[in-house]
PDB file of all heavy atoms in Angstrom:
ATOM      1  N   HIS A   1       0.824  -1.212   0.000  1.00  0.00           N
ATOM      2  CA  HIS A   1       0.000   0.000   0.000  1.00  0.00           C
ATOM      3  C   HIS A   1       0.859   1.263   0.000  1.00  0.00           C
ATOM      4  O   HIS A   1       1.927   1.307   0.611  1.00  0.00           O
ATOM      5  CB  HIS A   1      -0.913   0.047   1.227  1.00  0.00           C
ATOM      6  CG  HIS A   1      -2.058  -0.901   1.158  1.00  0.00           C
ATOM      7  ND1 HIS A   1      -2.433  -1.683   2.214  1.00  0.00           N
ATOM      8  CD2 HIS A   1      -2.924  -1.194   0.156  1.00  0.00           C
ATOM      9  CE1 HIS A   1      -3.476  -2.415   1.877  1.00  0.00           C
ATOM     10  NE2 HIS A   1      -3.789  -2.135   0.625  1.00  0.00           N
ATOM     11  N   CYS A   2       0.356   2.298  -0.650  1.00  0.00           N
ATOM     12  CA  CYS A   2       0.988   3.617  -0.652  1.00  0.00           C
ATOM     13  C   CYS A   2       0.972   4.177   0.769  1.00  0.00           C
ATOM     14  O   CYS A   2      -0.029   4.094   1.470  1.00  0.00           O
ATOM     15  CB  CYS A   2       0.231   4.543  -1.602  1.00  0.00           C
ATOM     16  SG  CYS A   2       0.798   6.252  -1.587  1.00  0.00           S
ATOM     17  N   ARG A   3       2.087   4.770   1.198  1.00  0.00           N
ATOM     18  CA  ARG A   3       2.214   5.275   2.564  1.00  0.00           C
ATOM     19  C   ARG A   3       1.877   6.763   2.711  1.00  0.00           C
ATOM     20  O   ARG A   3       2.170   7.369   3.730  1.00  0.00           O
ATOM     21  CB  ARG A   3       3.632   5.066   3.079  1.00  0.00           C
ATOM     22  CG  ARG A   3       4.039   3.612   3.224  1.00  0.00           C
ATOM     23  CD  ARG A   3       3.206   2.952   4.304  1.00  0.00           C
ATOM     24  NE  ARG A   3       3.790   1.728   4.780  1.00  0.00           N
ATOM     25  CZ  ARG A   3       3.604   0.533   4.275  1.00  0.00           C
ATOM     26  NH1 ARG A   3       2.842   0.393   3.229  1.00  0.00           N
ATOM     27  NH2 ARG A   3       4.158  -0.525   4.804  1.00  0.00           N
ATOM     28  N   ALA A   4       1.262   7.359   1.690  1.00  0.00           N
ATOM     29  CA  ALA A   4       0.898   8.771   1.777  1.00  0.00           C
ATOM     30  C   ALA A   4      -0.233   8.929   2.794  1.00  0.00           C
ATOM     31  O   ALA A   4      -1.263   8.275   2.707  1.00  0.00           O
ATOM     32  CB  ALA A   4       0.463   9.291   0.419  1.00  0.00           C
ATOM     33  N   VAL A   5      -0.025   9.786   3.782  1.00  0.00           N
ATOM     34  CA  VAL A   5      -1.009  10.003   4.836  1.00  0.00           C
ATOM     35  C   VAL A   5      -2.061  10.992   4.330  1.00  0.00           C
ATOM     36  O   VAL A   5      -1.735  12.054   3.807  1.00  0.00           O
ATOM     37  CB  VAL A   5      -0.339  10.546   6.111  1.00  0.00           C
ATOM     38  CG1 VAL A   5      -1.361  10.766   7.204  1.00  0.00           C
ATOM     39  CG2 VAL A   5       0.739   9.585   6.583  1.00  0.00           C
ATOM     40  N   LEU A   6      -3.316  10.631   4.484  1.00  0.00           N
ATOM     41  CA  LEU A   6      -4.422  11.472   4.031  1.00  0.00           C
ATOM     42  C   LEU A   6      -4.950  12.321   5.186  1.00  0.00           C
ATOM     43  O   LEU A   6      -4.647  12.070   6.351  1.00  0.00           O
ATOM     44  CB  LEU A   6      -5.541  10.593   3.472  1.00  0.00           C
ATOM     45  CG  LEU A   6      -5.138   9.644   2.344  1.00  0.00           C
ATOM     46  CD1 LEU A   6      -6.314   8.776   1.955  1.00  0.00           C
ATOM     47  CD2 LEU A   6      -4.606  10.408   1.153  1.00  0.00           C
ATOM     48  N   ASP A   7      -5.768  13.307   4.858  1.00  0.00           N
ATOM     49  CA  ASP A   7      -6.375  14.155   5.876  1.00  0.00           C
ATOM     50  C   ASP A   7      -7.555  13.474   6.555  1.00  0.00           C
ATOM     51  O   ASP A   7      -8.172  14.031   7.440  1.00  0.00           O
ATOM     52  CB  ASP A   7      -6.843  15.476   5.255  1.00  0.00           C
ATOM     53  CG  ASP A   7      -5.679  16.397   4.945  1.00  0.00           C
ATOM     54  OD1 ASP A   7      -4.605  16.192   5.540  1.00  0.00           O
ATOM     55  OD2 ASP A   7      -5.845  17.306   4.125  1.00  0.00           O
ATOM     56  N   GLU A   8      -7.875  12.289   6.123  1.00  0.00           N
ATOM     57  CA  GLU A   8      -9.015  11.561   6.676  1.00  0.00           C
ATOM     58  C   GLU A   8      -8.607  10.794   7.933  1.00  0.00           C
ATOM     59  O   GLU A   8      -7.452  10.459   8.113  1.00  0.00           O
ATOM     60  CB  GLU A   8      -9.553  10.564   5.649  1.00  0.00           C
ATOM     61  CG  GLU A   8     -10.012  11.179   4.364  1.00  0.00           C
ATOM     62  CD  GLU A   8     -10.426  10.110   3.363  1.00  0.00           C
ATOM     63  OE1 GLU A   8     -10.942   9.055   3.791  1.00  0.00           O
ATOM     64  OE2 GLU A   8     -10.220  10.336   2.167  1.00  0.00           O
ATOM     65  N   ARG A   9      -9.599  10.526   8.765  1.00  0.00           N
ATOM     66  CA  ARG A   9      -9.398   9.687   9.954  1.00  0.00           C
ATOM     67  C   ARG A   9     -10.325   8.496   9.842  1.00  0.00           C
ATOM     68  O   ARG A   9     -11.450   8.590   9.339  1.00  0.00           O
ATOM     69  CB  ARG A   9      -9.724  10.450  11.245  1.00  0.00           C
ATOM     70  CG  ARG A   9      -8.822  11.629  11.512  1.00  0.00           C
ATOM     71  CD  ARG A   9      -7.496  11.146  11.983  1.00  0.00           C
ATOM     72  NE  ARG A   9      -6.586  12.276  12.168  1.00  0.00           N
ATOM     73  CZ  ARG A   9      -5.388  12.138  12.661  1.00  0.00           C
ATOM     74  NH1 ARG A   9      -4.963  10.961  13.025  1.00  0.00           N
ATOM     75  NH2 ARG A   9      -4.608  13.170  12.791  1.00  0.00           N
ATOM     76  N   GLY A  10      -9.860   7.348  10.329  1.00  0.00           N
ATOM     77  CA  GLY A  10     -10.678   6.143  10.315  1.00  0.00           C
ATOM     78  C   GLY A  10     -11.646   6.121  11.483  1.00  0.00           C
ATOM     79  O   GLY A  10     -11.726   7.064  12.292  1.00  0.00           O
ATOM     80  N   ASP A  11     -12.405   5.021  11.598  1.00  0.00           N
ATOM     81  CA  ASP A  11     -13.353   4.870  12.694  1.00  0.00           C
ATOM     82  C   ASP A  11     -12.659   4.871  14.055  1.00  0.00           C
ATOM     83  O   ASP A  11     -13.231   5.282  15.061  1.00  0.00           O
ATOM     84  CB  ASP A  11     -14.147   3.563  12.532  1.00  0.00           C
ATOM     85  CG  ASP A  11     -15.008   3.603  11.269  1.00  0.00           C
ATOM     86  OD1 ASP A  11     -15.371   4.714  10.833  1.00  0.00           O
ATOM     87  OD2 ASP A  11     -15.313   2.514  10.748  1.00  0.00           O
ATOM     88  N   ASP A  12     -11.402   4.404  14.075  1.00  0.00           N
ATOM     89  CA  ASP A  12     -10.647   4.360  15.332  1.00  0.00           C
ATOM     90  C   ASP A  12      -9.966   5.691  15.641  1.00  0.00           C
ATOM     91  O   ASP A  12      -9.297   5.830  16.660  1.00  0.00           O
ATOM     92  CB  ASP A  12      -9.621   3.231  15.291  1.00  0.00           C
ATOM     93  CG  ASP A  12      -8.716   3.299  14.064  1.00  0.00           C
ATOM     94  OD1 ASP A  12      -8.837   4.272  13.293  1.00  0.00           O
ATOM     95  OD2 ASP A  12      -7.885   2.382  13.881  1.00  0.00           O
ATOM     96  N   GLY A  13     -10.091   6.662  14.763  1.00  0.00           N
ATOM     97  CA  GLY A  13      -9.505   7.980  14.979  1.00  0.00           C
ATOM     98  C   GLY A  13      -8.074   8.100  14.480  1.00  0.00           C
ATOM     99  O   GLY A  13      -7.459   9.155  14.600  1.00  0.00           O
ATOM    100  N   LEU A  14      -7.529   7.013  13.931  1.00  0.00           N
ATOM    101  CA  LEU A  14      -6.160   7.046  13.430  1.00  0.00           C
ATOM    102  C   LEU A  14      -6.125   7.507  11.976  1.00  0.00           C
ATOM    103  O   LEU A  14      -7.125   7.453  11.263  1.00  0.00           O
ATOM    104  CB  LEU A  14      -5.523   5.658  13.561  1.00  0.00           C
ATOM    105  CG  LEU A  14      -5.366   5.137  14.981  1.00  0.00           C
ATOM    106  CD1 LEU A  14      -4.811   3.729  14.977  1.00  0.00           C
ATOM    107  CD2 LEU A  14      -4.464   6.046  15.797  1.00  0.00           C
ATOM    108  N   ALA A  15      -4.948   7.924  11.550  1.00  0.00           N
ATOM    109  CA  ALA A  15      -4.776   8.427  10.186  1.00  0.00           C
ATOM    110  C   ALA A  15      -5.038   7.325   9.169  1.00  0.00           C
ATOM    111  O   ALA A  15      -4.934   6.139   9.472  1.00  0.00           O
ATOM    112  CB  ALA A  15      -3.367   8.977  10.012  1.00  0.00           C
ATOM    113  N   MET A  16      -5.360   7.747   7.955  1.00  0.00           N
ATOM    114  CA  MET A  16      -5.602   6.824   6.845  1.00  0.00           C
ATOM    115  C   MET A  16      -4.493   7.004   5.809  1.00  0.00           C
ATOM    116  O   MET A  16      -4.025   8.123   5.570  1.00  0.00           O
ATOM    117  CB  MET A  16      -6.963   7.117   6.200  1.00  0.00           C
ATOM    118  CG  MET A  16      -8.143   7.018   7.119  1.00  0.00           C
ATOM    119  SD  MET A  16      -8.625   5.359   7.456  1.00  0.00           S
ATOM    120  CE  MET A  16      -9.558   5.008   5.998  1.00  0.00           C
ATOM    121  N   PHE A  17      -4.083   5.890   5.206  1.00  0.00           N
ATOM    122  CA  PHE A  17      -3.102   5.926   4.125  1.00  0.00           C
ATOM    123  C   PHE A  17      -3.835   5.880   2.793  1.00  0.00           C
ATOM    124  O   PHE A  17      -4.990   5.464   2.718  1.00  0.00           O
ATOM    125  CB  PHE A  17      -2.143   4.740   4.221  1.00  0.00           C
ATOM    126  CG  PHE A  17      -1.115   4.886   5.304  1.00  0.00           C
ATOM    127  CD1 PHE A  17      -0.993   3.916   6.281  1.00  0.00           C
ATOM    128  CD2 PHE A  17      -0.256   5.962   5.345  1.00  0.00           C
ATOM    129  CE1 PHE A  17      -0.044   4.029   7.277  1.00  0.00           C
ATOM    130  CE2 PHE A  17       0.704   6.089   6.334  1.00  0.00           C
ATOM    131  CZ  PHE A  17       0.795   5.111   7.302  1.00  0.00           C
ATOM    132  N   CYS A  18      -3.145   6.267   1.722  1.00  0.00           N
ATOM    133  CA  CYS A  18      -3.732   6.314   0.387  1.00  0.00           C
ATOM    134  C   CYS A  18      -4.307   4.957  -0.008  1.00  0.00           C
ATOM    135  O   CYS A  18      -5.429   4.876  -0.461  1.00  0.00           O
ATOM    136  CB  CYS A  18      -2.672   6.763  -0.619  1.00  0.00           C
ATOM    137  SG  CYS A  18      -3.105   6.536  -2.337  1.00  0.00           S
ATOM    138  N   GLY A  19      -3.548   3.887   0.133  1.00  0.00           N
ATOM    139  CA  GLY A  19      -4.048   2.555  -0.152  1.00  0.00           C
ATOM    140  C   GLY A  19      -3.824   2.072  -1.567  1.00  0.00           C
ATOM    141  O   GLY A  19      -4.052   0.905  -1.858  1.00  0.00           O
ATOM    142  N   ALA A  20      -3.373   2.930  -2.470  1.00  0.00           N
ATOM    143  CA  ALA A  20      -3.088   2.482  -3.835  1.00  0.00           C
ATOM    144  C   ALA A  20      -1.839   1.610  -3.822  1.00  0.00           C
ATOM    145  O   ALA A  20      -1.066   1.615  -2.865  1.00  0.00           O
ATOM    146  CB  ALA A  20      -2.883   3.695  -4.743  1.00  0.00           C
ATOM    147  N   LYS A  21      -1.625   0.871  -4.890  1.00  0.00           N
ATOM    148  CA  LYS A  21      -0.434   0.024  -4.982  1.00  0.00           C
ATOM    149  C   LYS A  21       0.777   0.929  -5.143  1.00  0.00           C
ATOM    150  O   LYS A  21       0.801   1.823  -6.000  1.00  0.00           O
ATOM    151  CB  LYS A  21      -0.548  -0.921  -6.166  1.00  0.00           C
ATOM    152  CG  LYS A  21       0.582  -1.914  -6.226  1.00  0.00           C
ATOM    153  CD  LYS A  21       0.390  -2.908  -7.348  1.00  0.00           C
ATOM    154  CE  LYS A  21       1.567  -3.860  -7.351  1.00  0.00           C
ATOM    155  NZ  LYS A  21       1.559  -4.729  -8.505  1.00  0.00           N
ATOM    156  N   LYS A  22       1.803   0.710  -4.308  1.00  0.00           N
ATOM    157  CA  LYS A  22       2.948   1.609  -4.353  1.00  0.00           C
ATOM    158  C   LYS A  22       3.851   1.310  -5.532  1.00  0.00           C
ATOM    159  O   LYS A  22       3.860   0.205  -6.067  1.00  0.00           O
ATOM    160  CB  LYS A  22       3.712   1.596  -3.039  1.00  0.00           C
ATOM    161  CG  LYS A  22       4.401   0.331  -2.663  1.00  0.00           C
ATOM    162  CD  LYS A  22       5.068   0.509  -1.314  1.00  0.00           C
ATOM    163  CE  LYS A  22       5.991  -0.659  -1.035  1.00  0.00           C
ATOM    164  NZ  LYS A  22       6.747  -0.467   0.162  1.00  0.00           N
ATOM    165  N   ARG A  23       4.581   2.320  -5.927  1.00  0.00           N
ATOM    166  CA  ARG A  23       5.503   2.242  -7.044  1.00  0.00           C
ATOM    167  C   ARG A  23       6.718   1.419  -6.642  1.00  0.00           C
ATOM    168  O   ARG A  23       7.171   1.480  -5.504  1.00  0.00           O
ATOM    169  CB  ARG A  23       5.909   3.662  -7.408  1.00  0.00           C
ATOM    170  CG  ARG A  23       6.879   3.789  -8.512  1.00  0.00           C
ATOM    171  CD  ARG A  23       7.198   5.233  -8.735  1.00  0.00           C
ATOM    172  NE  ARG A  23       8.461   5.295  -9.454  1.00  0.00           N
ATOM    173  CZ  ARG A  23       8.997   6.394  -9.896  1.00  0.00           C
ATOM    174  NH1 ARG A  23       8.394   7.533  -9.684  1.00  0.00           N
ATOM    175  NH2 ARG A  23      10.134   6.374 -10.534  1.00  0.00           N
ATOM    176  N   LEU A  24       7.314   0.679  -7.560  1.00  0.00           N
ATOM    177  CA  LEU A  24       8.486  -0.133  -7.289  1.00  0.00           C
ATOM    178  C   LEU A  24       9.644   0.760  -6.826  1.00  0.00           C
ATOM    179  O   LEU A  24       9.982   1.745  -7.482  1.00  0.00           O
ATOM    180  CB  LEU A  24       8.900  -0.909  -8.540  1.00  0.00           C
ATOM    181  CG  LEU A  24      10.061  -1.874  -8.384  1.00  0.00           C
ATOM    182  CD1 LEU A  24       9.655  -3.000  -7.421  1.00  0.00           C
ATOM    183  CD2 LEU A  24      10.463  -2.455  -9.717  1.00  0.00           C
ATOM    184  N   GLY A  25      10.221   0.465  -5.673  1.00  0.00           N
ATOM    185  CA  GLY A  25      11.337   1.231  -5.146  1.00  0.00           C
ATOM    186  C   GLY A  25      10.937   2.487  -4.404  1.00  0.00           C
ATOM    187  O   GLY A  25      11.780   3.301  -4.070  1.00  0.00           O
ATOM    188  N   SER A  26       9.670   2.673  -4.155  1.00  0.00           N
ATOM    189  CA  SER A  26       9.188   3.870  -3.480  1.00  0.00           C
ATOM    190  C   SER A  26       8.199   3.470  -2.390  1.00  0.00           C
ATOM    191  O   SER A  26       7.712   2.349  -2.369  1.00  0.00           O
ATOM    192  CB  SER A  26       8.499   4.798  -4.489  1.00  0.00           C
ATOM    193  OG  SER A  26       7.944   5.919  -3.843  1.00  0.00           O
ATOM    194  N   SER A  27       7.923   4.379  -1.499  1.00  0.00           N
ATOM    195  CA  SER A  27       6.923   4.136  -0.462  1.00  0.00           C
ATOM    196  C   SER A  27       5.550   4.630  -0.887  1.00  0.00           C
ATOM    197  O   SER A  27       4.600   4.491  -0.132  1.00  0.00           O
ATOM    198  CB  SER A  27       7.331   4.855   0.823  1.00  0.00           C
ATOM    199  OG  SER A  27       8.528   4.327   1.315  1.00  0.00           O
ATOM    200  N   TRP A  28       5.469   5.232  -2.086  1.00  0.00           N
ATOM    201  CA  TRP A  28       4.234   5.855  -2.511  1.00  0.00           C
ATOM    202  C   TRP A  28       3.785   5.338  -3.874  1.00  0.00           C
ATOM    203  O   TRP A  28       4.576   4.806  -4.648  1.00  0.00           O
ATOM    204  CB  TRP A  28       4.414   7.371  -2.582  1.00  0.00           C
ATOM    205  CG  TRP A  28       4.945   7.950  -1.321  1.00  0.00           C
ATOM    206  CD1 TRP A  28       4.332   7.977  -0.104  1.00  0.00           C
ATOM    207  CD2 TRP A  28       6.218   8.550  -1.134  1.00  0.00           C
ATOM    208  NE1 TRP A  28       5.136   8.571   0.820  1.00  0.00           N
ATOM    209  CE2 TRP A  28       6.309   8.939   0.220  1.00  0.00           C
ATOM    210  CE3 TRP A  28       7.295   8.812  -1.956  1.00  0.00           C
ATOM    211  CZ2 TRP A  28       7.417   9.570   0.755  1.00  0.00           C
ATOM    212  CZ3 TRP A  28       8.396   9.433  -1.433  1.00  0.00           C
ATOM    213  CH2 TRP A  28       8.450   9.808  -0.087  1.00  0.00           C
ATOM    214  N   CYS A  29       2.520   5.572  -4.158  1.00  0.00           N
ATOM    215  CA  CYS A  29       1.976   5.254  -5.478  1.00  0.00           C
ATOM    216  C   CYS A  29       2.554   6.270  -6.480  1.00  0.00           C
ATOM    217  O   CYS A  29       3.144   7.277  -6.074  1.00  0.00           O
ATOM    218  CB  CYS A  29       0.446   5.320  -5.447  1.00  0.00           C
ATOM    219  SG  CYS A  29      -0.229   6.951  -5.100  1.00  0.00           S
TER     220      CYS A  29
END
């Protein structure tokens, strides 16, 4: 999963990550 932190919060109140498939050699999509 992409590690980009979004401005959204989950039901537990914790941050949400982008969730897209990350790029090869990177932490992000």
